[in-house]
C-alpha cells in the first residue's frame, strides 16, 4: 500500500499544480478579455472560453494518470490506459478494465483526485458566471 501511495502522490501533486495553474489562467483570461464587456454574447464567450480551458486541463490530468498506468505496465496501449484513467478520474467506475492487484488502489486515488479537480473546475466556471451576472445586474441599477 505504501508503494501505491508513493507512486500516486506525485501524480496527484502534479495534477493539483496543473489545476491551480488552469484556474489562475481562467481568471487571467476572463480579466484580459471580458472583465469590462457587458451583454449576453460577452458572457457566453467568456464562459465558453473558461470551459475550454478547464476541459483541456482535465484532459491533461487524465493523460498524466494514463501515462503512469502505461509506464507501470498495466496496459498495452496509451489509448487503453487513458480510457481507464478517464473512467477513474470522472468517478464512473465501469469496471470493464481492472488493474492488477499490485496497482489496483491507484484507481480510488485517481477518483478522489478527479473529484477534487473537477470540483475546482466547476468553481472556476461558476466564479466567471457570478461575476458576469453581478455586472449585468449592476448595469440595470
C-alpha atoms as a PDB file:
ATOM      1  CA  UNK A   1       0.000   0.000   0.000  1.00  0.00           C
ATOM      2  CA  UNK A   2       2.862   2.379   0.777  1.00  0.00           C
ATOM      3  CA  UNK A   3       4.294   1.780  -2.702  1.00  0.00           C
ATOM      4  CA  UNK A   4       0.928   2.712  -4.237  1.00  0.00           C
ATOM      5  CA  UNK A   5       0.787   5.947  -2.227  1.00  0.00           C
ATOM      6  CA  UNK A   6       4.375   6.826  -3.083  1.00  0.00           C
ATOM      7  CA  UNK A   7       3.595   6.207  -6.757  1.00  0.00           C
ATOM      8  CA  UNK A   8       0.232   8.005  -6.838  1.00  0.00           C
ATOM      9  CA  UNK A   9       1.004  11.054  -4.712  1.00  0.00           C
ATOM     10  CA  UNK A  10       3.434  12.685  -7.166  1.00  0.00           C
ATOM     11  CA  UNK A  11       0.773  12.441  -9.878  1.00  0.00           C
ATOM     12  CA  UNK A  12      -1.837  13.925  -7.550  1.00  0.00           C
ATOM     13  CA  UNK A  13       0.545  16.770  -6.660  1.00  0.00           C
ATOM     14  CA  UNK A  14       1.293  17.396 -10.351  1.00  0.00           C
ATOM     15  CA  UNK A  15      -2.439  17.454 -11.067  1.00  0.00           C
ATOM     16  CA  UNK A  16      -3.055  19.877  -8.207  1.00  0.00           C
ATOM     17  CA  UNK A  17      -0.341  22.141  -9.582  1.00  0.00           C
ATOM     18  CA  UNK A  18      -1.769  21.864 -13.104  1.00  0.00           C
ATOM     19  CA  UNK A  19      -5.318  22.581 -11.896  1.00  0.00           C
ATOM     20  CA  UNK A  20      -4.108  25.579  -9.889  1.00  0.00           C
ATOM     21  CA  UNK A  21      -2.371  26.907 -12.990  1.00  0.00           C
ATOM     22  CA  UNK A  22      -5.510  26.310 -15.090  1.00  0.00           C
ATOM     23  CA  UNK A  23      -7.675  28.093 -12.517  1.00  0.00           C
ATOM     24  CA  UNK A  24      -5.387  31.125 -12.486  1.00  0.00           C
ATOM     25  CA  UNK A  25      -5.248  31.048 -16.291  1.00  0.00           C
ATOM     26  CA  UNK A  26      -9.073  31.118 -16.348  1.00  0.00           C
ATOM     27  CA  UNK A  27      -9.126  34.207 -14.147  1.00  0.00           C
ATOM     28  CA  UNK A  28      -6.481  35.959 -16.259  1.00  0.00           C
ATOM     29  CA  UNK A  29      -8.311  35.006 -19.483  1.00  0.00           C
ATOM     30  CA  UNK A  30     -11.529  36.493 -18.152  1.00  0.00           C
ATOM     31  CA  UNK A  31      -9.934  39.687 -16.824  1.00  0.00           C
ATOM     32  CA  UNK A  32      -7.948  40.354 -20.011  1.00  0.00           C
ATOM     33  CA  UNK A  33     -10.747  39.693 -22.478  1.00  0.00           C
ATOM     34  CA  UNK A  34     -14.132  40.085 -20.799  1.00  0.00           C
ATOM     35  CA  UNK A  35     -13.872  41.951 -17.498  1.00  0.00           C
ATOM     36  CA  UNK A  36     -15.164  45.248 -18.938  1.00  0.00           C
ATOM     37  CA  UNK A  37     -17.509  43.834 -21.563  1.00  0.00           C
ATOM     38  CA  UNK A  38     -21.228  43.560 -20.993  1.00  0.00           C
ATOM     39  CA  UNK A  39     -24.052  41.724 -22.675  1.00  0.00           C
ATOM     40  CA  UNK A  40     -25.181  38.188 -23.279  1.00  0.00           C
ATOM     41  CA  UNK A  41     -22.653  37.453 -26.014  1.00  0.00           C
ATOM     42  CA  UNK A  42     -19.741  38.541 -23.820  1.00  0.00           C
ATOM     43  CA  UNK A  43     -20.996  36.275 -21.042  1.00  0.00           C
ATOM     44  CA  UNK A  44     -21.439  33.315 -23.362  1.00  0.00           C
ATOM     45  CA  UNK A  45     -17.993  33.765 -24.930  1.00  0.00           C
ATOM     46  CA  UNK A  46     -16.311  34.211 -21.548  1.00  0.00           C
ATOM     47  CA  UNK A  47     -17.930  31.093 -20.121  1.00  0.00           C
ATOM     48  CA  UNK A  48     -17.226  29.125 -23.298  1.00  0.00           C
ATOM     49  CA  UNK A  49     -13.547  30.107 -23.135  1.00  0.00           C
ATOM     50  CA  UNK A  50     -13.318  29.097 -19.488  1.00  0.00           C
ATOM     51  CA  UNK A  51     -14.973  25.740 -20.216  1.00  0.00           C
ATOM     52  CA  UNK A  52     -12.449  25.043 -22.993  1.00  0.00           C
ATOM     53  CA  UNK A  53      -9.502  25.909 -20.731  1.00  0.00           C
ATOM     54  CA  UNK A  54     -10.851  23.781 -17.875  1.00  0.00           C
ATOM     55  CA  UNK A  55     -11.622  20.858 -20.177  1.00  0.00           C
ATOM     56  CA  UNK A  56      -8.091  20.896 -21.584  1.00  0.00           C
ATOM     57  CA  UNK A  57      -6.696  20.945 -18.041  1.00  0.00           C
ATOM     58  CA  UNK A  58      -8.812  17.978 -17.000  1.00  0.00           C
ATOM     59  CA  UNK A  59      -7.873  16.037 -20.140  1.00  0.00           C
ATOM     60  CA  UNK A  60      -4.174  16.664 -19.442  1.00  0.00           C
ATOM     61  CA  UNK A  61      -4.644  15.311 -15.925  1.00  0.00           C
ATOM     62  CA  UNK A  62      -6.345  12.185 -17.282  1.00  0.00           C
ATOM     63  CA  UNK A  63      -3.480  11.772 -19.743  1.00  0.00           C
ATOM     64  CA  UNK A  64      -0.944  12.084 -16.919  1.00  0.00           C
ATOM     65  CA  UNK A  65      -2.607   9.260 -14.975  1.00  0.00           C
ATOM     66  CA  UNK A  66      -2.866   7.195 -18.164  1.00  0.00           C
ATOM     67  CA  UNK A  67       0.845   7.681 -18.827  1.00  0.00           C
ATOM     68  CA  UNK A  68       1.581   6.447 -15.304  1.00  0.00           C
ATOM     69  CA  UNK A  69      -0.560   3.340 -15.860  1.00  0.00           C
ATOM     70  CA  UNK A  70       1.209   2.665 -19.149  1.00  0.00           C
ATOM     71  CA  UNK A  71       4.639   3.208 -17.551  1.00  0.00           C
ATOM     72  CA  UNK A  72       3.730   0.749 -14.793  1.00  0.00           C
ATOM     73  CA  UNK A  73       2.936  -1.852 -17.460  1.00  0.00           C
ATOM     74  CA  UNK A  74      -0.740  -2.081 -16.574  1.00  0.00           C
ATOM     75  CA  UNK A  75      -1.923  -1.544 -20.161  1.00  0.00           C
ATOM     76  CA  UNK A  76      -0.572  -2.400 -23.590  1.00  0.00           C
ATOM     77  CA  UNK A  77      -1.603   0.869 -25.280  1.00  0.00           C
ATOM     78  CA  UNK A  78      -1.870   4.512 -24.299  1.00  0.00           C
ATOM     79  CA  UNK A  79      -5.467   4.527 -25.530  1.00  0.00           C
ATOM     80  CA  UNK A  80      -6.443   1.749 -23.136  1.00  0.00           C
ATOM     81  CA  UNK A  81      -4.573   3.404 -20.252  1.00  0.00           C
ATOM     82  CA  UNK A  82      -6.186   6.801 -20.912  1.00  0.00           C
ATOM     83  CA  UNK A  83      -9.642   5.205 -21.201  1.00  0.00           C
ATOM     84  CA  UNK A  84      -9.180   3.535 -17.814  1.00  0.00           C
ATOM     85  CA  UNK A  85      -7.834   6.782 -16.397  1.00  0.00           C
ATOM     86  CA  UNK A  86     -10.821   8.763 -17.682  1.00  0.00           C
ATOM     87  CA  UNK A  87     -13.227   6.308 -16.089  1.00  0.00           C
ATOM     88  CA  UNK A  88     -11.400   6.650 -12.773  1.00  0.00           C
ATOM     89  CA  UNK A  89     -10.943  10.433 -12.945  1.00  0.00           C
ATOM     90  CA  UNK A  90     -14.625  11.012 -13.678  1.00  0.00           C
ATOM     91  CA  UNK A  91     -15.541   8.519 -10.931  1.00  0.00           C
ATOM     92  CA  UNK A  92     -17.619   6.436 -13.362  1.00  0.00           C
ATOM     93  CA  UNK A  93     -16.120   3.119 -12.284  1.00  0.00           C
ATOM     94  CA  UNK A  94     -17.265   0.940 -15.182  1.00  0.00           C
ATOM     95  CA  UNK A  95     -15.098  -1.984 -14.072  1.00  0.00           C
ATOM     96  CA  UNK A  96     -14.716  -3.339 -17.607  1.00  0.00           C
ATOM     97  CA  UNK A  97     -10.935  -2.975 -17.298  1.00  0.00           C
ATOM     98  CA  UNK A  98      -9.303  -3.777 -13.981  1.00  0.00           C
ATOM     99  CA  UNK A  99      -5.720  -3.171 -12.975  1.00  0.00           C
ATOM    100  CA  UNK A 100      -3.515  -5.759 -11.313  1.00  0.00           C
ATOM    101  CA  UNK A 101      -3.817  -6.340  -7.590  1.00  0.00           C
ATOM    102  CA  UNK A 102      -0.458  -4.590  -7.050  1.00  0.00           C
ATOM    103  CA  UNK A 103      -1.687  -1.262  -8.503  1.00  0.00           C
ATOM    104  CA  UNK A 104      -5.446  -1.531  -8.051  1.00  0.00           C
ATOM    105  CA  UNK A 105      -5.532   1.104  -5.282  1.00  0.00           C
ATOM    106  CA  UNK A 106      -4.361   3.739  -7.759  1.00  0.00           C
ATOM    107  CA  UNK A 107      -7.928   3.711  -9.124  1.00  0.00           C
ATOM    108  CA  UNK A 108      -9.538   5.121  -5.978  1.00  0.00           C
ATOM    109  CA  UNK A 109      -6.654   7.581  -5.568  1.00  0.00           C
ATOM    110  CA  UNK A 110      -7.286   8.897  -9.072  1.00  0.00           C
ATOM    111  CA  UNK A 111     -11.033   9.034  -8.425  1.00  0.00           C
ATOM    112  CA  UNK A 112     -10.517  11.227  -5.353  1.00  0.00           C
ATOM    113  CA  UNK A 113      -8.079  13.376  -7.326  1.00  0.00           C
ATOM    114  CA  UNK A 114     -10.548  13.671 -10.198  1.00  0.00           C
ATOM    115  CA  UNK A 115     -13.491  14.558  -7.969  1.00  0.00           C
ATOM    116  CA  UNK A 116     -11.485  17.352  -6.342  1.00  0.00           C
ATOM    117  CA  UNK A 117     -10.109  18.692  -9.623  1.00  0.00           C
ATOM    118  CA  UNK A 118     -13.468  18.570 -11.414  1.00  0.00           C
ATOM    119  CA  UNK A 119     -14.975  20.386  -8.426  1.00  0.00           C
ATOM    120  CA  UNK A 120     -12.349  23.105  -8.720  1.00  0.00           C
ATOM    121  CA  UNK A 121     -13.059  23.296 -12.457  1.00  0.00           C
ATOM    122  CA  UNK A 122     -16.723  23.893 -11.716  1.00  0.00           C
ATOM    123  CA  UNK A 123     -15.798  26.560  -9.187  1.00  0.00           C
ATOM    124  CA  UNK A 124     -13.745  28.394 -11.838  1.00  0.00           C
ATOM    125  CA  UNK A 125     -16.685  28.388 -14.231  1.00  0.00           C
ATOM    126  CA  UNK A 126     -19.086  29.498 -11.512  1.00  0.00           C
ATOM    127  CA  UNK A 127     -16.820  32.372 -10.471  1.00  0.00           C
ATOM    128  CA  UNK A 128     -16.859  33.755 -14.018  1.00  0.00           C
ATOM    129  CA  UNK A 129     -20.612  33.292 -14.293  1.00  0.00           C
ATOM    130  CA  UNK A 130     -21.257  35.013 -10.963  1.00  0.00           C
ATOM    131  CA  UNK A 131     -19.035  37.953 -11.869  1.00  0.00           C
ATOM    132  CA  UNK A 132     -20.803  38.373 -15.191  1.00  0.00           C
ATOM    133  CA  UNK A 133     -24.231  38.189 -13.528  1.00  0.00           C
ATOM    134  CA  UNK A 134     -23.181  40.827 -10.988  1.00  0.00           C
ATOM    135  CA  UNK A 135     -22.066  43.098 -13.832  1.00  0.00           C
ATOM    136  CA  UNK A 136     -25.377  42.607 -15.639  1.00  0.00           C
ATOM    137  CA  UNK A 137     -27.426  43.332 -12.531  1.00  0.00           C
ATOM    138  CA  UNK A 138     -25.287  46.375 -11.757  1.00  0.00           C
ATOM    139  CA  UNK A 139     -25.871  47.784 -15.235  1.00  0.00           C
ATOM    140  CA  UNK A 140     -29.647  47.748 -14.621  1.00  0.00           C
ATOM    141  CA  UNK A 141     -29.369  49.801 -11.412  1.00  0.00           C
END
